[in-house]
Amino acid sequence: MLFPARSPRKFEYKPRYYDPEKEEQEAAEEKGEPRIKFRHLRRRGAVKKSSMRRSLLMLILVFFALWYLYDLAREAPIEVESIQLEDVSPEAKQP
């Protein structure tokens, strides 16, 4: 061959972005501060408590909604007419 085969070019992309939490953590490690922040741990307990209350409230609302629907169904039963085979005609309209 007269010319050597060309090899594909390599893609060398290095993404650059700013992560403020990582920046703070690295700065704290350089100063010798502990990594654990106790303020965050206290907040998590409060979130779980409010989540539990919200779940309980939703459960109570669903219970009352089902109870209401049950009472409606008990007061006014739905009557269903049954279709007998004799009621259906075998002749179908053809266009």
PDB file of N, CA and C in Angstrom:
ATOM      1  N   MET A   1       0.832  -1.182   0.000  1.00  0.00           N
ATOM      2  CA  MET A   1       0.000   0.000   0.000  1.00  0.00           C
ATOM      3  C   MET A   1       0.875   1.243   0.000  1.00  0.00           C
ATOM      4  N   LEU A   2       0.398   2.225  -0.671  1.00  0.00           N
ATOM      5  CA  LEU A   2       1.175   3.443  -0.759  1.00  0.00           C
ATOM      6  C   LEU A   2       1.059   4.300   0.503  1.00  0.00           C
ATOM      7  N   PHE A   3      -0.170   4.355   1.046  1.00  0.00           N
ATOM      8  CA  PHE A   3      -0.382   5.192   2.217  1.00  0.00           C
ATOM      9  C   PHE A   3      -0.761   4.310   3.407  1.00  0.00           C
ATOM     10  N   PRO A   4      -0.222   4.600   4.588  1.00  0.00           N
ATOM     11  CA  PRO A   4      -0.583   3.791   5.767  1.00  0.00           C
ATOM     12  C   PRO A   4      -2.034   4.073   6.183  1.00  0.00           C
ATOM     13  N   ALA A   5      -2.667   3.072   6.760  1.00  0.00           N
ATOM     14  CA  ALA A   5      -4.058   3.225   7.231  1.00  0.00           C
ATOM     15  C   ALA A   5      -4.095   4.202   8.399  1.00  0.00           C
ATOM     16  N   ARG A   6      -5.091   5.082   8.365  1.00  0.00           N
ATOM     17  CA  ARG A   6      -5.211   6.067   9.437  1.00  0.00           C
ATOM     18  C   ARG A   6      -5.929   5.439  10.624  1.00  0.00           C
ATOM     19  N   SER A   7      -5.437   5.708  11.784  1.00  0.00           N
ATOM     20  CA  SER A   7      -6.107   5.219  12.994  1.00  0.00           C
ATOM     21  C   SER A   7      -7.132   6.274  13.426  1.00  0.00           C
ATOM     22  N   PRO A   8      -8.223   5.836  14.043  1.00  0.00           N
ATOM     23  CA  PRO A   8      -9.242   6.803  14.470  1.00  0.00           C
ATOM     24  C   PRO A   8      -8.724   7.724  15.564  1.00  0.00           C
ATOM     25  N   ARG A   9      -9.225   8.948  15.537  1.00  0.00           N
ATOM     26  CA  ARG A   9      -8.807   9.895  16.566  1.00  0.00           C
ATOM     27  C   ARG A   9      -9.433   9.518  17.905  1.00  0.00           C
ATOM     28  N   LYS A  10      -8.721   9.756  18.971  1.00  0.00           N
ATOM     29  CA  LYS A  10      -9.216   9.437  20.313  1.00  0.00           C
ATOM     30  C   LYS A  10     -10.012  10.618  20.851  1.00  0.00           C
ATOM     31  N   PHE A  11     -11.034  10.282  21.592  1.00  0.00           N
ATOM     32  CA  PHE A  11     -11.881  11.292  22.201  1.00  0.00           C
ATOM     33  C   PHE A  11     -11.443  11.466  23.639  1.00  0.00           C
ATOM     34  N   GLU A  12     -10.926  12.625  23.954  1.00  0.00           N
ATOM     35  CA  GLU A  12     -10.437  12.881  25.313  1.00  0.00           C
ATOM     36  C   GLU A  12     -11.168  14.094  25.886  1.00  0.00           C
ATOM     37  N   TYR A  13     -12.358  13.857  26.395  1.00  0.00           N
ATOM     38  CA  TYR A  13     -13.151  14.927  26.994  1.00  0.00           C
ATOM     39  C   TYR A  13     -13.115  14.778  28.506  1.00  0.00           C
ATOM     40  N   LYS A  14     -12.693  15.825  29.175  1.00  0.00           N
ATOM     41  CA  LYS A  14     -12.666  15.822  30.634  1.00  0.00           C
ATOM     42  C   LYS A  14     -13.707  16.846  31.106  1.00  0.00           C
ATOM     43  N   PRO A  15     -14.836  16.360  31.659  1.00  0.00           N
ATOM     44  CA  PRO A  15     -15.877  17.304  32.079  1.00  0.00           C
ATOM     45  C   PRO A  15     -15.424  18.130  33.281  1.00  0.00           C
ATOM     46  N   ARG A  16     -15.825  19.383  33.278  1.00  0.00           N
ATOM     47  CA  ARG A  16     -15.507  20.263  34.399  1.00  0.00           C
ATOM     48  C   ARG A  16     -16.810  20.786  34.975  1.00  0.00           C
ATOM     49  N   TYR A  17     -16.977  20.621  36.257  1.00  0.00           N
ATOM     50  CA  TYR A  17     -18.168  21.142  36.917  1.00  0.00           C
ATOM     51  C   TYR A  17     -17.814  21.481  38.349  1.00  0.00           C
ATOM     52  N   TYR A  18     -18.671  22.229  38.983  1.00  0.00           N
ATOM     53  CA  TYR A  18     -18.431  22.685  40.344  1.00  0.00           C
ATOM     54  C   TYR A  18     -19.415  21.999  41.273  1.00  0.00           C
ATOM     55  N   ASP A  19     -18.884  21.324  42.275  1.00  0.00           N
ATOM     56  CA  ASP A  19     -19.713  20.656  43.271  1.00  0.00           C
ATOM     57  C   ASP A  19     -19.428  21.320  44.619  1.00  0.00           C
ATOM     58  N   PRO A  20     -20.316  22.193  45.083  1.00  0.00           N
ATOM     59  CA  PRO A  20     -20.024  22.929  46.322  1.00  0.00           C
ATOM     60  C   PRO A  20     -19.911  22.028  47.550  1.00  0.00           C
ATOM     61  N   GLU A  21     -20.684  20.951  47.614  1.00  0.00           N
ATOM     62  CA  GLU A  21     -20.594  20.057  48.780  1.00  0.00           C
ATOM     63  C   GLU A  21     -19.233  19.362  48.825  1.00  0.00           C
ATOM     64  N   LYS A  22     -18.766  18.919  47.680  1.00  0.00           N
ATOM     65  CA  LYS A  22     -17.468  18.251  47.632  1.00  0.00           C
ATOM     66  C   LYS A  22     -16.362  19.247  47.971  1.00  0.00           C
ATOM     67  N   GLU A  23     -16.507  20.479  47.497  1.00  0.00           N
ATOM     68  CA  GLU A  23     -15.521  21.518  47.782  1.00  0.00           C
ATOM     69  C   GLU A  23     -15.448  21.782  49.296  1.00  0.00           C
ATOM     70  N   GLU A  24     -16.611  21.881  49.949  1.00  0.00           N
ATOM     71  CA  GLU A  24     -16.637  22.089  51.402  1.00  0.00           C
ATOM     72  C   GLU A  24     -16.009  20.911  52.142  1.00  0.00           C
ATOM     73  N   GLN A  25     -16.321  19.711  51.697  1.00  0.00           N
ATOM     74  CA  GLN A  25     -15.805  18.516  52.354  1.00  0.00           C
ATOM     75  C   GLN A  25     -14.282  18.459  52.243  1.00  0.00           C
ATOM     76  N   GLU A  26     -13.752  18.764  51.073  1.00  0.00           N
ATOM     77  CA  GLU A  26     -12.299  18.754  50.902  1.00  0.00           C
ATOM     78  C   GLU A  26     -11.639  19.839  51.748  1.00  0.00           C
ATOM     79  N   ALA A  27     -12.265  21.023  51.837  1.00  0.00           N
ATOM     80  CA  ALA A  27     -11.714  22.102  52.665  1.00  0.00           C
ATOM     81  C   ALA A  27     -11.738  21.714  54.138  1.00  0.00           C
ATOM     82  N   ALA A  28     -12.807  21.041  54.575  1.00  0.00           N
ATOM     83  CA  ALA A  28     -12.904  20.621  55.972  1.00  0.00           C
ATOM     84  C   ALA A  28     -11.877  19.540  56.286  1.00  0.00           C
ATOM     85  N   GLU A  29     -11.638  18.646  55.359  1.00  0.00           N
ATOM     86  CA  GLU A  29     -10.636  17.595  55.589  1.00  0.00           C
ATOM     87  C   GLU A  29      -9.244  18.185  55.698  1.00  0.00           C
ATOM     88  N   GLU A  30      -8.957  19.240  54.925  1.00  0.00           N
ATOM     89  CA  GLU A  30      -7.651  19.886  55.004  1.00  0.00           C
ATOM     90  C   GLU A  30      -7.461  20.573  56.354  1.00  0.00           C
ATOM     91  N   LYS A  31      -8.548  21.123  56.915  1.00  0.00           N
ATOM     92  CA  LYS A  31      -8.472  21.798  58.212  1.00  0.00           C
ATOM     93  C   LYS A  31      -8.473  20.804  59.367  1.00  0.00           C
ATOM     94  N   GLY A  32      -8.888  19.584  59.125  1.00  0.00           N
ATOM     95  CA  GLY A  32      -8.933  18.573  60.174  1.00  0.00           C
ATOM     96  C   GLY A  32     -10.266  18.506  60.894  1.00  0.00           C
ATOM     97  N   GLU A  33     -11.315  19.078  60.313  1.00  0.00           N
ATOM     98  CA  GLU A  33     -12.645  19.035  60.924  1.00  0.00           C
ATOM     99  C   GLU A  33     -13.294  17.680  60.656  1.00  0.00           C
ATOM    100  N   PRO A  34     -14.206  17.249  61.539  1.00  0.00           N
ATOM    101  CA  PRO A  34     -14.881  15.968  61.304  1.00  0.00           C
ATOM    102  C   PRO A  34     -15.829  16.054  60.104  1.00  0.00           C
ATOM    103  N   ARG A  35     -16.049  14.921  59.452  1.00  0.00           N
ATOM    104  CA  ARG A  35     -16.911  14.873  58.274  1.00  0.00           C
ATOM    105  C   ARG A  35     -18.386  14.874  58.631  1.00  0.00           C
ATOM    106  N   ILE A  36     -18.731  14.394  59.817  1.00  0.00           N
ATOM    107  CA  ILE A  36     -20.134  14.284  60.203  1.00  0.00           C
ATOM    108  C   ILE A  36     -20.653  15.647  60.646  1.00  0.00           C
ATOM    109  N   LYS A  37     -21.793  16.030  60.113  1.00  0.00           N
ATOM    110  CA  LYS A  37     -22.444  17.266  60.546  1.00  0.00           C
ATOM    111  C   LYS A  37     -23.713  16.852  61.261  1.00  0.00           C
ATOM    112  N   PHE A  38     -23.769  17.078  62.547  1.00  0.00           N
ATOM    113  CA  PHE A  38     -24.863  16.592  63.371  1.00  0.00           C
ATOM    114  C   PHE A  38     -26.173  17.309  63.107  1.00  0.00           C
ATOM    115  N   ARG A  39     -26.132  18.503  62.537  1.00  0.00           N
ATOM    116  CA  ARG A  39     -27.363  19.204  62.218  1.00  0.00           C
ATOM    117  C   ARG A  39     -28.201  18.400  61.222  1.00  0.00           C
ATOM    118  N   HIS A  40     -27.543  17.791  60.258  1.00  0.00           N
ATOM    119  CA  HIS A  40     -28.252  17.005  59.255  1.00  0.00           C
ATOM    120  C   HIS A  40     -28.912  15.778  59.874  1.00  0.00           C
ATOM    121  N   LEU A  41     -28.278  15.186  60.851  1.00  0.00           N
ATOM    122  CA  LEU A  41     -28.830  13.993  61.483  1.00  0.00           C
ATOM    123  C   LEU A  41     -30.111  14.320  62.256  1.00  0.00           C
ATOM    124  N   ARG A  42     -30.155  15.478  62.890  1.00  0.00           N
ATOM    125  CA  ARG A  42     -31.354  15.867  63.629  1.00  0.00           C
ATOM    126  C   ARG A  42     -32.527  16.119  62.691  1.00  0.00           C
ATOM    127  N   ARG A  43     -32.275  16.709  61.541  1.00  0.00           N
ATOM    128  CA  ARG A  43     -33.347  17.009  60.593  1.00  0.00           C
ATOM    129  C   ARG A  43     -33.984  15.740  60.053  1.00  0.00           C
ATOM    130  N   ARG A  44     -33.216  14.710  59.853  1.00  0.00           N
ATOM    131  CA  ARG A  44     -33.752  13.475  59.293  1.00  0.00           C
ATOM    132  C   ARG A  44     -34.814  12.874  60.204  1.00  0.00           C
ATOM    133  N   GLY A  45     -34.643  12.956  61.510  1.00  0.00           N
ATOM    134  CA  GLY A  45     -35.636  12.433  62.437  1.00  0.00           C
ATOM    135  C   GLY A  45     -36.956  13.173  62.309  1.00  0.00           C
ATOM    136  N   ALA A  46     -36.905  14.493  62.113  1.00  0.00           N
ATOM    137  CA  ALA A  46     -38.120  15.290  61.971  1.00  0.00           C
ATOM    138  C   ALA A  46     -38.838  14.948  60.672  1.00  0.00           C
ATOM    139  N   VAL A  47     -38.098  14.664  59.635  1.00  0.00           N
ATOM    140  CA  VAL A  47     -38.711  14.315  58.361  1.00  0.00           C
ATOM    141  C   VAL A  47     -39.450  12.995  58.489  1.00  0.00           C
ATOM    142  N   LYS A  48     -38.862  12.040  59.155  1.00  0.00           N
ATOM    143  CA  LYS A  48     -39.512  10.747  59.333  1.00  0.00           C
ATOM    144  C   LYS A  48     -40.808  10.895  60.136  1.00  0.00           C
ATOM    145  N   LYS A  49     -40.804  11.774  61.133  1.00  0.00           N
ATOM    146  CA  LYS A  49     -41.978  11.961  61.968  1.00  0.00           C
ATOM    147  C   LYS A  49     -43.110  12.578  61.162  1.00  0.00           C
ATOM    148  N   SER A  50     -42.816  13.586  60.358  1.00  0.00           N
ATOM    149  CA  SER A  50     -43.868  14.220  59.559  1.00  0.00           C
ATOM    150  C   SER A  50     -44.348  13.262  58.467  1.00  0.00           C
ATOM    151  N   SER A  51     -43.454  12.455  57.943  1.00  0.00           N
ATOM    152  CA  SER A  51     -43.839  11.478  56.933  1.00  0.00           C
ATOM    153  C   SER A  51     -44.791  10.443  57.532  1.00  0.00           C
ATOM    154  N   MET A  52     -44.540  10.054  58.763  1.00  0.00           N
ATOM    155  CA  MET A  52     -45.397   9.088  59.439  1.00  0.00           C
ATOM    156  C   MET A  52     -46.781   9.686  59.672  1.00  0.00           C
ATOM    157  N   ARG A  53     -46.825  10.945  60.054  1.00  0.00           N
ATOM    158  CA  ARG A  53     -48.111  11.611  60.273  1.00  0.00           C
ATOM    159  C   ARG A  53     -48.893  11.710  58.964  1.00  0.00           C
ATOM    160  N   ARG A  54     -48.205  12.059  57.889  1.00  0.00           N
ATOM    161  CA  ARG A  54     -48.857  12.184  56.593  1.00  0.00           C
ATOM    162  C   ARG A  54     -49.407  10.830  56.147  1.00  0.00           C
ATOM    163  N   SER A  55     -48.656   9.769  56.358  1.00  0.00           N
ATOM    164  CA  SER A  55     -49.116   8.434  55.980  1.00  0.00           C
ATOM    165  C   SER A  55     -50.347   8.029  56.790  1.00  0.00           C
ATOM    166  N   LEU A  56     -50.336   8.330  58.070  1.00  0.00           N
ATOM    167  CA  LEU A  56     -51.477   8.013  58.923  1.00  0.00           C
ATOM    168  C   LEU A  56     -52.712   8.800  58.493  1.00  0.00           C
ATOM    169  N   LEU A  57     -52.540  10.064  58.175  1.00  0.00           N
ATOM    170  CA  LEU A  57     -53.661  10.882  57.712  1.00  0.00           C
ATOM    171  C   LEU A  57     -54.227  10.333  56.403  1.00  0.00           C
ATOM    172  N   MET A  58     -53.373   9.954  55.488  1.00  0.00           N
ATOM    173  CA  MET A  58     -53.835   9.382  54.212  1.00  0.00           C
ATOM    174  C   MET A  58     -54.592   8.077  54.451  1.00  0.00           C
ATOM    175  N   LEU A  59     -54.110   7.251  55.357  1.00  0.00           N
ATOM    176  CA  LEU A  59     -54.778   5.995  55.663  1.00  0.00           C
ATOM    177  C   LEU A  59     -56.176   6.246  56.237  1.00  0.00           C
ATOM    178  N   ILE A  60     -56.292   7.225  57.113  1.00  0.00           N
ATOM    179  CA  ILE A  60     -57.593   7.562  57.698  1.00  0.00           C
ATOM    180  C   ILE A  60     -58.542   8.085  56.618  1.00  0.00           C
ATOM    181  N   LEU A  61     -58.058   8.937  55.732  1.00  0.00           N
ATOM    182  CA  LEU A  61     -58.893   9.464  54.654  1.00  0.00           C
ATOM    183  C   LEU A  61     -59.365   8.356  53.725  1.00  0.00           C
ATOM    184  N   VAL A  62     -58.500   7.424  53.389  1.00  0.00           N
ATOM    185  CA  VAL A  62     -58.888   6.307  52.530  1.00  0.00           C
ATOM    186  C   VAL A  62     -59.925   5.443  53.230  1.00  0.00           C
ATOM    187  N   PHE A  63     -59.744   5.218  54.514  1.00  0.00           N
ATOM    188  CA  PHE A  63     -60.698   4.420  55.278  1.00  0.00           C
ATOM    189  C   PHE A  63     -62.092   5.051  55.232  1.00  0.00           C
ATOM    190  N   PHE A  64     -62.170   6.378  55.504  1.00  0.00           N
ATOM    191  CA  PHE A  64     -63.468   7.048  55.492  1.00  0.00           C
ATOM    192  C   PHE A  64     -64.072   7.092  54.101  1.00  0.00           C
ATOM    193  N   ALA A  65     -63.260   7.231  53.062  1.00  0.00           N
ATOM    194  CA  ALA A  65     -63.783   7.230  51.696  1.00  0.00           C
ATOM    195  C   ALA A  65     -64.377   5.868  51.354  1.00  0.00           C
ATOM    196  N   LEU A  66     -63.700   4.800  51.729  1.00  0.00           N
ATOM    197  CA  LEU A  66     -64.228   3.463  51.471  1.00  0.00           C
ATOM    198  C   LEU A  66     -65.495   3.199  52.283  1.00  0.00           C
ATOM    199  N   TRP A  67     -65.521   3.673  53.506  1.00  0.00           N
ATOM    200  CA  TRP A  67     -66.696   3.513  54.359  1.00  0.00           C
ATOM    201  C   TRP A  67     -67.895   4.242  53.747  1.00  0.00           C
ATOM    202  N   TYR A  68     -67.666   5.456  53.249  1.00  0.00           N
ATOM    203  CA  TYR A  68     -68.722   6.236  52.603  1.00  0.00           C
ATOM    204  C   TYR A  68     -69.239   5.506  51.363  1.00  0.00           C
ATOM    205  N   LEU A  69     -68.351   4.997  50.527  1.00  0.00           N
ATOM    206  CA  LEU A  69     -68.773   4.265  49.332  1.00  0.00           C
ATOM    207  C   LEU A  69     -69.522   2.988  49.699  1.00  0.00           C
ATOM    208  N   TYR A  70     -69.116   2.327  50.763  1.00  0.00           N
ATOM    209  CA  TYR A  70     -69.799   1.120  51.218  1.00  0.00           C
ATOM    210  C   TYR A  70     -71.230   1.451  51.652  1.00  0.00           C
ATOM    211  N   ASP A  71     -71.390   2.561  52.385  1.00  0.00           N
ATOM    212  CA  ASP A  71     -72.734   2.979  52.809  1.00  0.00           C
ATOM    213  C   ASP A  71     -73.611   3.332  51.613  1.00  0.00           C
ATOM    214  N   LEU A  72     -73.063   3.992  50.615  1.00  0.00           N
ATOM    215  CA  LEU A  72     -73.832   4.319  49.411  1.00  0.00           C
ATOM    216  C   LEU A  72     -74.286   3.047  48.695  1.00  0.00           C
ATOM    217  N   ALA A  73     -73.426   2.080  48.595  1.00  0.00           N
ATOM    218  CA  ALA A  73     -73.766   0.842  47.904  1.00  0.00           C
ATOM    219  C   ALA A  73     -74.814   0.060  48.692  1.00  0.00           C
ATOM    220  N   ARG A  74     -74.779   0.129  49.997  1.00  0.00           N
ATOM    221  CA  ARG A  74     -75.728  -0.605  50.829  1.00  0.00           C
ATOM    222  C   ARG A  74     -77.119   0.033  50.772  1.00  0.00           C
ATOM    223  N   GLU A  75     -77.177   1.362  50.674  1.00  0.00           N
ATOM    224  CA  GLU A  75     -78.460   2.063  50.637  1.00  0.00           C
ATOM    225  C   GLU A  75     -79.163   1.902  49.294  1.00  0.00           C
ATOM    226  N   ALA A  76     -78.442   1.966  48.196  1.00  0.00           N
ATOM    227  CA  ALA A  76     -79.050   1.897  46.863  1.00  0.00           C
ATOM    228  C   ALA A  76     -78.383   0.782  46.069  1.00  0.00           C
ATOM    229  N   PRO A  77     -78.884  -0.421  46.205  1.00  0.00           N
ATOM    230  CA  PRO A  77     -78.262  -1.512  45.446  1.00  0.00           C
ATOM    231  C   PRO A  77     -78.528  -1.352  43.950  1.00  0.00           C
ATOM    232  N   ILE A  78     -77.601  -1.787  43.178  1.00  0.00           N
ATOM    233  CA  ILE A  78     -77.706  -1.683  41.729  1.00  0.00           C
ATOM    234  C   ILE A  78     -78.452  -2.903  41.214  1.00  0.00           C
ATOM    235  N   GLU A  79     -79.489  -2.639  40.421  1.00  0.00           N
ATOM    236  CA  GLU A  79     -80.245  -3.743  39.853  1.00  0.00           C
ATOM    237  C   GLU A  79     -79.722  -4.013  38.455  1.00  0.00           C
ATOM    238  N   VAL A  80     -79.421  -5.254  38.186  1.00  0.00           N
ATOM    239  CA  VAL A  80     -78.893  -5.642  36.887  1.00  0.00           C
ATOM    240  C   VAL A  80     -79.895  -6.572  36.227  1.00  0.00           C
ATOM    241  N   GLU A  81     -80.280  -6.222  35.005  1.00  0.00           N
ATOM    242  CA  GLU A  81     -81.189  -7.085  34.273  1.00  0.00           C
ATOM    243  C   GLU A  81     -80.379  -8.148  33.561  1.00  0.00           C
ATOM    244  N   SER A  82     -80.828  -9.365  33.671  1.00  0.00           N
ATOM    245  CA  SER A  82     -80.122 -10.424  32.967  1.00  0.00           C
ATOM    246  C   SER A  82     -80.715 -10.569  31.575  1.00  0.00           C
ATOM    247  N   ILE A  83     -79.898 -10.886  30.610  1.00  0.00           N
ATOM    248  CA  ILE A  83     -80.337 -11.057  29.233  1.00  0.00           C
ATOM    249  C   ILE A  83     -80.516 -12.545  28.983  1.00  0.00           C
ATOM    250  N   GLN A  84     -81.696 -12.904  28.533  1.00  0.00           N
ATOM    251  CA  GLN A  84     -81.983 -14.302  28.236  1.00  0.00           C
ATOM    252  C   GLN A  84     -81.595 -14.588  26.787  1.00  0.00           C
ATOM    253  N   LEU A  85     -81.336 -15.830  26.504  1.00  0.00           N
ATOM    254  CA  LEU A  85     -80.948 -16.234  25.168  1.00  0.00           C
ATOM    255  C   LEU A  85     -82.084 -15.981  24.168  1.00  0.00           C
ATOM    256  N   GLU A  86     -83.311 -16.074  24.615  1.00  0.00           N
ATOM    257  CA  GLU A  86     -84.450 -15.854  23.734  1.00  0.00           C
ATOM    258  C   GLU A  86     -84.561 -14.387  23.316  1.00  0.00           C
ATOM    259  N   ASP A  87     -84.021 -13.469  24.121  1.00  0.00           N
ATOM    260  CA  ASP A  87     -84.095 -12.048  23.824  1.00  0.00           C
ATOM    261  C   ASP A  87     -83.189 -11.648  22.675  1.00  0.00           C
ATOM    262  N   VAL A  88     -82.190 -12.444  22.354  1.00  0.00           N
ATOM    263  CA  VAL A  88     -81.223 -12.108  21.318  1.00  0.00           C
ATOM    264  C   VAL A  88     -81.673 -12.728  20.012  1.00  0.00           C
ATOM    265  N   SER A  89     -81.792 -11.926  18.950  1.00  0.00           N
ATOM    266  CA  SER A  89     -82.220 -12.472  17.669  1.00  0.00           C
ATOM    267  C   SER A  89     -80.994 -12.912  16.854  1.00  0.00           C
ATOM    268  N   PRO A  90     -81.071 -14.057  16.183  1.00  0.00           N
ATOM    269  CA  PRO A  90     -79.915 -14.539  15.435  1.00  0.00           C
ATOM    270  C   PRO A  90     -79.707 -13.813  14.124  1.00  0.00           C
ATOM    271  N   GLU A  91     -80.679 -13.044  13.693  1.00  0.00           N
ATOM    272  CA  GLU A  91     -80.557 -12.335  12.428  1.00  0.00           C
ATOM    273  C   GLU A  91     -79.819 -11.027  12.651  1.00  0.00           C
ATOM    274  N   ALA A  92     -78.751 -10.868  11.936  1.00  0.00           N
ATOM    275  CA  ALA A  92     -77.968  -9.663  12.052  1.00  0.00           C
ATOM    276  C   ALA A  92     -78.132  -8.851  10.788  1.00  0.00           C
ATOM    277  N   LYS A  93     -78.118  -7.546  10.930  1.00  0.00           N
ATOM    278  CA  LYS A  93     -78.237  -6.682   9.761  1.00  0.00           C
ATOM    279  C   LYS A  93     -76.917  -6.682   9.023  1.00  0.00           C
ATOM    280  N   GLN A  94     -76.992  -6.878   7.727  1.00  0.00           N
ATOM    281  CA  GLN A  94     -75.797  -6.864   6.912  1.00  0.00           C
ATOM    282  C   GLN A  94     -75.869  -5.681   5.960  1.00  0.00           C
ATOM    283  N   PRO A  95     -74.795  -4.949   5.802  1.00  0.00           N
ATOM    284  CA  PRO A  95     -74.823  -3.762   4.938  1.00  0.00           C
ATOM    285  C   PRO A  95     -74.864  -4.100   3.466  1.00  0.00           C
TER     286      PRO A  95
END
